[in-house]
Each structure stands twice: as C-alpha cells, then as structure tokens.
PDB file of all heavy atoms in Angstrom:
ATOM      1  N   ALA A   1      91.068  87.096  64.428  1.00  0.00           N
ATOM      2  CA  ALA A   1      90.834  88.328  63.614  1.00  0.00           C
ATOM      3  C   ALA A   1      89.574  88.929  64.071  1.00  0.00           C
ATOM      4  O   ALA A   1      88.720  88.303  64.686  1.00  0.00           O
ATOM      5  CB  ALA A   1      90.783  87.981  62.135  1.00  0.00           C
ATOM      6  N   GLN A   2      89.418  90.237  63.718  1.00  0.00           N
ATOM      7  CA  GLN A   2      88.106  90.822  63.871  1.00  0.00           C
ATOM      8  C   GLN A   2      87.297  90.320  62.660  1.00  0.00           C
ATOM      9  O   GLN A   2      87.638  90.679  61.460  1.00  0.00           O
ATOM     10  CB  GLN A   2      88.192  92.349  63.862  1.00  0.00           C
ATOM     11  CG  GLN A   2      86.794  92.997  63.985  1.00  0.00           C
ATOM     12  CD  GLN A   2      85.970  92.517  65.177  1.00  0.00           C
ATOM     13  OE1 GLN A   2      86.388  92.692  66.320  1.00  0.00           O
ATOM     14  NE2 GLN A   2      84.831  91.913  64.933  1.00  0.00           N
ATOM     15  N   ALA A   3      86.312  89.520  62.879  1.00  0.00           N
ATOM     16  CA  ALA A   3      85.539  88.912  61.803  1.00  0.00           C
ATOM     17  C   ALA A   3      84.319  89.693  61.453  1.00  0.00           C
ATOM     18  O   ALA A   3      83.945  90.713  62.113  1.00  0.00           O
ATOM     19  CB  ALA A   3      85.100  87.498  62.286  1.00  0.00           C
ATOM     20  N   GLY A   4      83.699  89.325  60.319  1.00  0.00           N
ATOM     21  CA  GLY A   4      82.440  89.887  59.901  1.00  0.00           C
ATOM     22  C   GLY A   4      82.575  90.987  58.847  1.00  0.00           C
ATOM     23  O   GLY A   4      83.367  91.963  59.046  1.00  0.00           O
ATOM     24  N   VAL A   5      81.943  90.834  57.712  1.00  0.00           N
ATOM     25  CA  VAL A   5      81.976  91.811  56.600  1.00  0.00           C
ATOM     26  C   VAL A   5      81.183  93.042  56.997  1.00  0.00           C
ATOM     27  O   VAL A   5      81.647  94.172  56.883  1.00  0.00           O
ATOM     28  CB  VAL A   5      81.461  91.196  55.349  1.00  0.00           C
ATOM     29  CG1 VAL A   5      81.270  92.259  54.242  1.00  0.00           C
ATOM     30  CG2 VAL A   5      82.449  90.101  54.834  1.00  0.00           C
ATOM     31  N   ARG A   6      79.960  92.836  57.445  1.00  0.00           N
ATOM     32  CA  ARG A   6      79.039  94.007  57.714  1.00  0.00           C
ATOM     33  C   ARG A   6      79.513  94.881  58.804  1.00  0.00           C
ATOM     34  O   ARG A   6      79.429  96.084  58.796  1.00  0.00           O
ATOM     35  CB  ARG A   6      77.574  93.541  57.924  1.00  0.00           C
ATOM     36  CG  ARG A   6      77.026  92.868  56.675  1.00  0.00           C
ATOM     37  CD  ARG A   6      75.576  92.447  56.833  1.00  0.00           C
ATOM     38  NE  ARG A   6      75.177  91.674  55.693  1.00  0.00           N
ATOM     39  CZ  ARG A   6      74.835  90.410  55.678  1.00  0.00           C
ATOM     40  NH1 ARG A   6      74.880  89.695  56.816  1.00  0.00           N
ATOM     41  NH2 ARG A   6      74.509  89.796  54.544  1.00  0.00           N
ATOM     42  N   TYR A   7      80.109  94.221  59.881  1.00  0.00           N
ATOM     43  CA  TYR A   7      80.618  94.999  61.005  1.00  0.00           C
ATOM     44  C   TYR A   7      81.773  95.879  60.625  1.00  0.00           C
ATOM     45  O   TYR A   7      82.027  96.904  61.279  1.00  0.00           O
ATOM     46  CB  TYR A   7      81.002  94.024  62.147  1.00  0.00           C
ATOM     47  CG  TYR A   7      81.390  94.684  63.446  1.00  0.00           C
ATOM     48  CD1 TYR A   7      80.507  95.523  64.110  1.00  0.00           C
ATOM     49  CD2 TYR A   7      82.680  94.491  63.991  1.00  0.00           C
ATOM     50  CE1 TYR A   7      80.867  96.134  65.357  1.00  0.00           C
ATOM     51  CE2 TYR A   7      83.040  95.099  65.176  1.00  0.00           C
ATOM     52  CZ  TYR A   7      82.139  95.911  65.839  1.00  0.00           C
ATOM     53  OH  TYR A   7      82.517  96.517  67.064  1.00  0.00           O
ATOM     54  N   SER A   8      82.499  95.493  59.536  1.00  0.00           N
ATOM     55  CA  SER A   8      83.633  96.345  59.116  1.00  0.00           C
ATOM     56  C   SER A   8      83.212  97.688  58.616  1.00  0.00           C
ATOM     57  O   SER A   8      83.998  98.622  58.575  1.00  0.00           O
ATOM     58  CB  SER A   8      84.492  95.595  58.084  1.00  0.00           C
ATOM     59  OG  SER A   8      83.801  95.470  56.877  1.00  0.00           O
ATOM     60  N   LEU A   9      81.932  97.788  58.217  1.00  0.00           N
ATOM     61  CA  LEU A   9      81.425  99.080  57.773  1.00  0.00           C
ATOM     62  C   LEU A   9      81.153 100.020  58.980  1.00  0.00           C
ATOM     63  O   LEU A   9      81.201 101.254  58.847  1.00  0.00           O
ATOM     64  CB  LEU A   9      80.113  98.923  56.959  1.00  0.00           C
ATOM     65  CG  LEU A   9      80.248  98.531  55.481  1.00  0.00           C
ATOM     66  CD1 LEU A   9      80.854  97.119  55.314  1.00  0.00           C
ATOM     67  CD2 LEU A   9      78.877  98.602  54.831  1.00  0.00           C
ATOM     68  N   GLU A  10      80.860  99.409  60.150  1.00  0.00           N
ATOM     69  CA  GLU A  10      80.518 100.168  61.362  1.00  0.00           C
ATOM     70  C   GLU A  10      81.753 100.518  62.193  1.00  0.00           C
ATOM     71  O   GLU A  10      81.788 101.581  62.793  1.00  0.00           O
ATOM     72  CB  GLU A  10      79.533  99.384  62.172  1.00  0.00           C
ATOM     73  CG  GLU A  10      78.240  98.956  61.467  1.00  0.00           C
ATOM     74  CD  GLU A  10      77.463  97.990  62.303  1.00  0.00           C
ATOM     75  OE1 GLU A  10      77.705  97.911  63.574  1.00  0.00           O
ATOM     76  OE2 GLU A  10      76.641  97.236  61.734  1.00  0.00           O
ATOM     77  N   ASN A  11      82.688  99.628  62.243  1.00  0.00           N
ATOM     78  CA  ASN A  11      83.849  99.797  63.144  1.00  0.00           C
ATOM     79  C   ASN A  11      85.137  99.434  62.465  1.00  0.00           C
ATOM     80  O   ASN A  11      85.840  98.454  62.839  1.00  0.00           O
ATOM     81  CB  ASN A  11      83.623  98.955  64.393  1.00  0.00           C
ATOM     82  CG  ASN A  11      84.661  99.238  65.490  1.00  0.00           C
ATOM     83  OD1 ASN A  11      85.434 100.148  65.371  1.00  0.00           O
ATOM     84  ND2 ASN A  11      84.607  98.476  66.574  1.00  0.00           N
ATOM     85  N   PRO A  12      85.552 100.227  61.482  1.00  0.00           N
ATOM     86  CA  PRO A  12      86.776  99.855  60.692  1.00  0.00           C
ATOM     87  C   PRO A  12      88.054  99.847  61.578  1.00  0.00           C
ATOM     88  O   PRO A  12      88.953  99.081  61.274  1.00  0.00           O
ATOM     89  CB  PRO A  12      86.838 100.948  59.624  1.00  0.00           C
ATOM     90  CG  PRO A  12      86.017 102.099  60.132  1.00  0.00           C
ATOM     91  CD  PRO A  12      84.941 101.474  60.957  1.00  0.00           C
ATOM     92  N   ALA A  13      88.097 100.642  62.614  1.00  0.00           N
ATOM     93  CA  ALA A  13      89.304 100.722  63.400  1.00  0.00           C
ATOM     94  C   ALA A  13      89.631  99.364  64.072  1.00  0.00           C
ATOM     95  O   ALA A  13      90.801  98.995  64.210  1.00  0.00           O
ATOM     96  CB  ALA A  13      89.194 101.773  64.506  1.00  0.00           C
ATOM     97  N   ALA A  14      88.593  98.581  64.416  1.00  0.00           N
ATOM     98  CA  ALA A  14      88.809  97.272  65.027  1.00  0.00           C
ATOM     99  C   ALA A  14      89.539  96.349  64.063  1.00  0.00           C
ATOM    100  O   ALA A  14      90.356  95.522  64.488  1.00  0.00           O
ATOM    101  CB  ALA A  14      87.479  96.651  65.488  1.00  0.00           C
ATOM    102  N   TYR A  15      89.196  96.469  62.787  1.00  0.00           N
ATOM    103  CA  TYR A  15      89.806  95.609  61.770  1.00  0.00           C
ATOM    104  C   TYR A  15      91.265  95.989  61.483  1.00  0.00           C
ATOM    105  O   TYR A  15      92.152  95.111  61.306  1.00  0.00           O
ATOM    106  CB  TYR A  15      89.020  95.660  60.475  1.00  0.00           C
ATOM    107  CG  TYR A  15      87.664  95.021  60.630  1.00  0.00           C
ATOM    108  CD1 TYR A  15      86.625  95.666  61.283  1.00  0.00           C
ATOM    109  CD2 TYR A  15      87.428  93.755  60.141  1.00  0.00           C
ATOM    110  CE1 TYR A  15      85.433  95.074  61.498  1.00  0.00           C
ATOM    111  CE2 TYR A  15      86.211  93.156  60.330  1.00  0.00           C
ATOM    112  CZ  TYR A  15      85.174  93.791  61.002  1.00  0.00           C
ATOM    113  OH  TYR A  15      83.974  93.186  61.195  1.00  0.00           O
ATOM    114  N   ILE A  16      91.533  97.254  61.513  1.00  0.00           N
ATOM    115  CA  ILE A  16      92.934  97.742  61.311  1.00  0.00           C
ATOM    116  C   ILE A  16      93.834  97.301  62.478  1.00  0.00           C
ATOM    117  O   ILE A  16      94.931  96.777  62.248  1.00  0.00           O
ATOM    118  CB  ILE A  16      92.921  99.275  61.164  1.00  0.00           C
ATOM    119  CG1 ILE A  16      92.266  99.678  59.863  1.00  0.00           C
ATOM    120  CG2 ILE A  16      94.343  99.790  61.175  1.00  0.00           C
ATOM    121  CD1 ILE A  16      91.920 101.109  59.737  1.00  0.00           C
ATOM    122  N   GLN A  17      93.355  97.397  63.672  1.00  0.00           N
ATOM    123  CA  GLN A  17      94.131  97.021  64.868  1.00  0.00           C
ATOM    124  C   GLN A  17      94.369  95.538  64.928  1.00  0.00           C
ATOM    125  O   GLN A  17      95.476  95.017  65.100  1.00  0.00           O
ATOM    126  CB  GLN A  17      93.466  97.569  66.127  1.00  0.00           C
ATOM    127  CG  GLN A  17      93.560  99.025  66.347  1.00  0.00           C
ATOM    128  CD  GLN A  17      94.979  99.494  66.414  1.00  0.00           C
ATOM    129  OE1 GLN A  17      95.844  98.961  67.120  1.00  0.00           O
ATOM    130  NE2 GLN A  17      95.292 100.515  65.597  1.00  0.00           N
ATOM    131  N   SER A  18      93.292  94.772  64.858  1.00  0.00           N
ATOM    132  CA  SER A  18      93.362  93.293  64.999  1.00  0.00           C
ATOM    133  C   SER A  18      94.000  92.598  63.790  1.00  0.00           C
ATOM    134  O   SER A  18      94.938  91.841  63.855  1.00  0.00           O
ATOM    135  CB  SER A  18      92.028  92.689  65.292  1.00  0.00           C
ATOM    136  OG  SER A  18      92.095  91.287  65.487  1.00  0.00           O
ATOM    137  N   ASN A  19      93.465  92.953  62.600  1.00  0.00           N
ATOM    138  CA  ASN A  19      93.815  92.205  61.381  1.00  0.00           C
ATOM    139  C   ASN A  19      95.144  92.627  60.741  1.00  0.00           C
ATOM    140  O   ASN A  19      95.721  91.877  60.031  1.00  0.00           O
ATOM    141  CB  ASN A  19      92.659  92.293  60.400  1.00  0.00           C
ATOM    142  CG  ASN A  19      91.337  91.696  60.896  1.00  0.00           C
ATOM    143  OD1 ASN A  19      91.230  91.383  62.074  1.00  0.00           O
ATOM    144  ND2 ASN A  19      90.345  91.569  60.041  1.00  0.00           N
ATOM    145  N   LEU A  20      95.523  93.895  60.998  1.00  0.00           N
ATOM    146  CA  LEU A  20      96.744  94.371  60.395  1.00  0.00           C
ATOM    147  C   LEU A  20      97.857  94.502  61.449  1.00  0.00           C
ATOM    148  O   LEU A  20      98.885  93.883  61.308  1.00  0.00           O
ATOM    149  CB  LEU A  20      96.531  95.710  59.705  1.00  0.00           C
ATOM    150  CG  LEU A  20      95.531  95.686  58.541  1.00  0.00           C
ATOM    151  CD1 LEU A  20      95.370  97.082  57.903  1.00  0.00           C
ATOM    152  CD2 LEU A  20      95.942  94.691  57.495  1.00  0.00           C
ATOM    153  N   VAL A  21      97.629  95.320  62.491  1.00  0.00           N
ATOM    154  CA  VAL A  21      98.648  95.457  63.569  1.00  0.00           C
ATOM    155  C   VAL A  21      98.855  94.082  64.242  1.00  0.00           C
ATOM    156  O   VAL A  21     100.033  93.674  64.446  1.00  0.00           O
ATOM    157  CB  VAL A  21      98.181  96.524  64.596  1.00  0.00           C
ATOM    158  CG1 VAL A  21      99.160  96.573  65.737  1.00  0.00           C
ATOM    159  CG2 VAL A  21      98.089  97.913  63.918  1.00  0.00           C
ATOM    160  N   GLY A  22      97.787  93.415  64.583  1.00  0.00           N
ATOM    161  CA  GLY A  22      97.907  92.118  65.259  1.00  0.00           C
ATOM    162  C   GLY A  22      98.641  91.091  64.388  1.00  0.00           C
ATOM    163  O   GLY A  22      99.502  90.344  64.869  1.00  0.00           O
ATOM    164  N   PHE A  23      98.351  91.076  63.114  1.00  0.00           N
ATOM    165  CA  PHE A  23      99.049  90.145  62.203  1.00  0.00           C
ATOM    166  C   PHE A  23     100.507  90.441  62.099  1.00  0.00           C
ATOM    167  O   PHE A  23     101.368  89.566  62.027  1.00  0.00           O
ATOM    168  CB  PHE A  23      98.385  90.122  60.847  1.00  0.00           C
ATOM    169  CG  PHE A  23      98.866  89.023  59.936  1.00  0.00           C
ATOM    170  CD1 PHE A  23      98.781  87.678  60.329  1.00  0.00           C
ATOM    171  CD2 PHE A  23      99.440  89.290  58.725  1.00  0.00           C
ATOM    172  CE1 PHE A  23      99.241  86.636  59.506  1.00  0.00           C
ATOM    173  CE2 PHE A  23      99.920  88.271  57.887  1.00  0.00           C
ATOM    174  CZ  PHE A  23      99.819  86.989  58.284  1.00  0.00           C
ATOM    175  N   GLY A  24     100.890  91.740  62.176  1.00  0.00           N
ATOM    176  CA  GLY A  24     102.262  92.152  62.162  1.00  0.00           C
ATOM    177  C   GLY A  24     103.010  91.547  63.353  1.00  0.00           C
ATOM    178  O   GLY A  24     104.144  91.113  63.250  1.00  0.00           O
ATOM    179  N   HIS A  25     102.309  91.519  64.536  1.00  0.00           N
ATOM    180  CA  HIS A  25     102.963  90.959  65.701  1.00  0.00           C
ATOM    181  C   HIS A  25     103.146  89.422  65.584  1.00  0.00           C
ATOM    182  O   HIS A  25     104.135  88.900  66.068  1.00  0.00           O
ATOM    183  CB  HIS A  25     102.106  91.272  66.924  1.00  0.00           C
ATOM    184  CG  HIS A  25     102.103  92.767  67.230  1.00  0.00           C
ATOM    185  ND1 HIS A  25     101.017  93.352  67.903  1.00  0.00           N
ATOM    186  CD2 HIS A  25     102.993  93.742  67.000  1.00  0.00           C
ATOM    187  CE1 HIS A  25     101.281  94.628  68.078  1.00  0.00           C
ATOM    188  NE2 HIS A  25     102.455  94.915  67.488  1.00  0.00           N
ATOM    189  N   ILE A  26     102.191  88.781  64.918  1.00  0.00           N
ATOM    190  CA  ILE A  26     102.358  87.343  64.642  1.00  0.00           C
ATOM    191  C   ILE A  26     103.577  87.097  63.739  1.00  0.00           C
ATOM    192  O   ILE A  26     104.399  86.223  64.031  1.00  0.00           O
ATOM    193  CB  ILE A  26     101.108  86.780  64.011  1.00  0.00           C
ATOM    194  CG1 ILE A  26      99.904  86.811  64.956  1.00  0.00           C
ATOM    195  CG2 ILE A  26     101.338  85.358  63.466  1.00  0.00           C
ATOM    196  CD1 ILE A  26     100.028  85.835  66.135  1.00  0.00           C
ATOM    197  N   LEU A  27     103.714  87.848  62.706  1.00  0.00           N
ATOM    198  CA  LEU A  27     104.850  87.697  61.775  1.00  0.00           C
ATOM    199  C   LEU A  27     106.154  87.946  62.513  1.00  0.00           C
ATOM    200  O   LEU A  27     107.143  87.211  62.318  1.00  0.00           O
ATOM    201  CB  LEU A  27     104.709  88.652  60.570  1.00  0.00           C
ATOM    202  CG  LEU A  27     103.560  88.282  59.642  1.00  0.00           C
ATOM    203  CD1 LEU A  27     103.346  89.426  58.605  1.00  0.00           C
ATOM    204  CD2 LEU A  27     103.824  87.019  58.840  1.00  0.00           C
ATOM    205  N   GLU A  28     106.229  88.978  63.299  1.00  0.00           N
ATOM    206  CA  GLU A  28     107.438  89.280  64.063  1.00  0.00           C
ATOM    207  C   GLU A  28     107.793  88.176  65.070  1.00  0.00           C
ATOM    208  O   GLU A  28     108.975  87.791  65.190  1.00  0.00           O
ATOM    209  CB  GLU A  28     107.286  90.592  64.819  1.00  0.00           C
ATOM    210  CG  GLU A  28     107.487  91.846  63.919  1.00  0.00           C
ATOM    211  CD  GLU A  28     108.992  91.974  63.511  1.00  0.00           C
ATOM    212  OE1 GLU A  28     109.771  92.527  64.278  1.00  0.00           O
ATOM    213  OE2 GLU A  28     109.315  91.461  62.384  1.00  0.00           O
ATOM    214  N   GLY A  29     106.784  87.607  65.722  1.00  0.00           N
ATOM    215  CA  GLY A  29     107.026  86.509  66.658  1.00  0.00           C
ATOM    216  C   GLY A  29     107.586  85.287  65.889  1.00  0.00           C
ATOM    217  O   GLY A  29     108.564  84.662  66.366  1.00  0.00           O
ATOM    218  N   CYS A  30     107.005  84.985  64.765  1.00  0.00           N
ATOM    219  CA  CYS A  30     107.511  83.844  63.979  1.00  0.00           C
ATOM    220  C   CYS A  30     108.967  84.114  63.498  1.00  0.00           C
ATOM    221  O   CYS A  30     109.816  83.225  63.509  1.00  0.00           O
ATOM    222  CB  CYS A  30     106.592  83.635  62.718  1.00  0.00           C
ATOM    223  SG  CYS A  30     104.910  82.989  63.182  1.00  0.00           S
ATOM    224  N   ARG A  31     109.205  85.339  63.092  1.00  0.00           N
ATOM    225  CA  ARG A  31     110.526  85.689  62.550  1.00  0.00           C
ATOM    226  C   ARG A  31     111.605  85.522  63.600  1.00  0.00           C
ATOM    227  O   ARG A  31     112.664  84.960  63.397  1.00  0.00           O
ATOM    228  CB  ARG A  31     110.478  87.104  62.021  1.00  0.00           C
ATOM    229  CG  ARG A  31     111.862  87.663  61.724  1.00  0.00           C
ATOM    230  CD  ARG A  31     111.769  89.227  61.595  1.00  0.00           C
ATOM    231  NE  ARG A  31     113.062  89.809  61.425  1.00  0.00           N
ATOM    232  CZ  ARG A  31     113.331  91.124  61.574  1.00  0.00           C
ATOM    233  NH1 ARG A  31     112.336  91.941  61.858  1.00  0.00           N
ATOM    234  NH2 ARG A  31     114.582  91.550  61.424  1.00  0.00           N
ATOM    235  N   HIS A  32     111.369  86.086  64.804  1.00  0.00           N
ATOM    236  CA  HIS A  32     112.362  86.177  65.839  1.00  0.00           C
ATOM    237  C   HIS A  32     112.529  84.896  66.635  1.00  0.00           C
ATOM    238  O   HIS A  32     113.567  84.734  67.348  1.00  0.00           O
ATOM    239  CB  HIS A  32     112.108  87.328  66.765  1.00  0.00           C
ATOM    240  CG  HIS A  32     112.302  88.676  66.131  1.00  0.00           C
ATOM    241  ND1 HIS A  32     113.552  89.109  65.736  1.00  0.00           N
ATOM    242  CD2 HIS A  32     111.481  89.649  65.796  1.00  0.00           C
ATOM    243  CE1 HIS A  32     113.444  90.289  65.205  1.00  0.00           C
ATOM    244  NE2 HIS A  32     112.188  90.668  65.218  1.00  0.00           N
TER     245      HIS A  32
END
C-alpha cells in the first residue's frame, strides 16, 4: 500500500491509485 498518514495530505493521488485501484486488482485476481 502507499503508507503513511502525513504523506497522504501531500500526495492523495498515490493513495487512491495504490490503495483503492490496486486493491481492486487484488480482489479481481482472487476472484478469477
């Protein structure tokens, strides 16, 4: 995941891509 609480204030896009989009790919891989 994109870690770090304080860094999420500076670079929110990194968290959306890694922690949300990336997790979606993990779920899809497990499903299929």
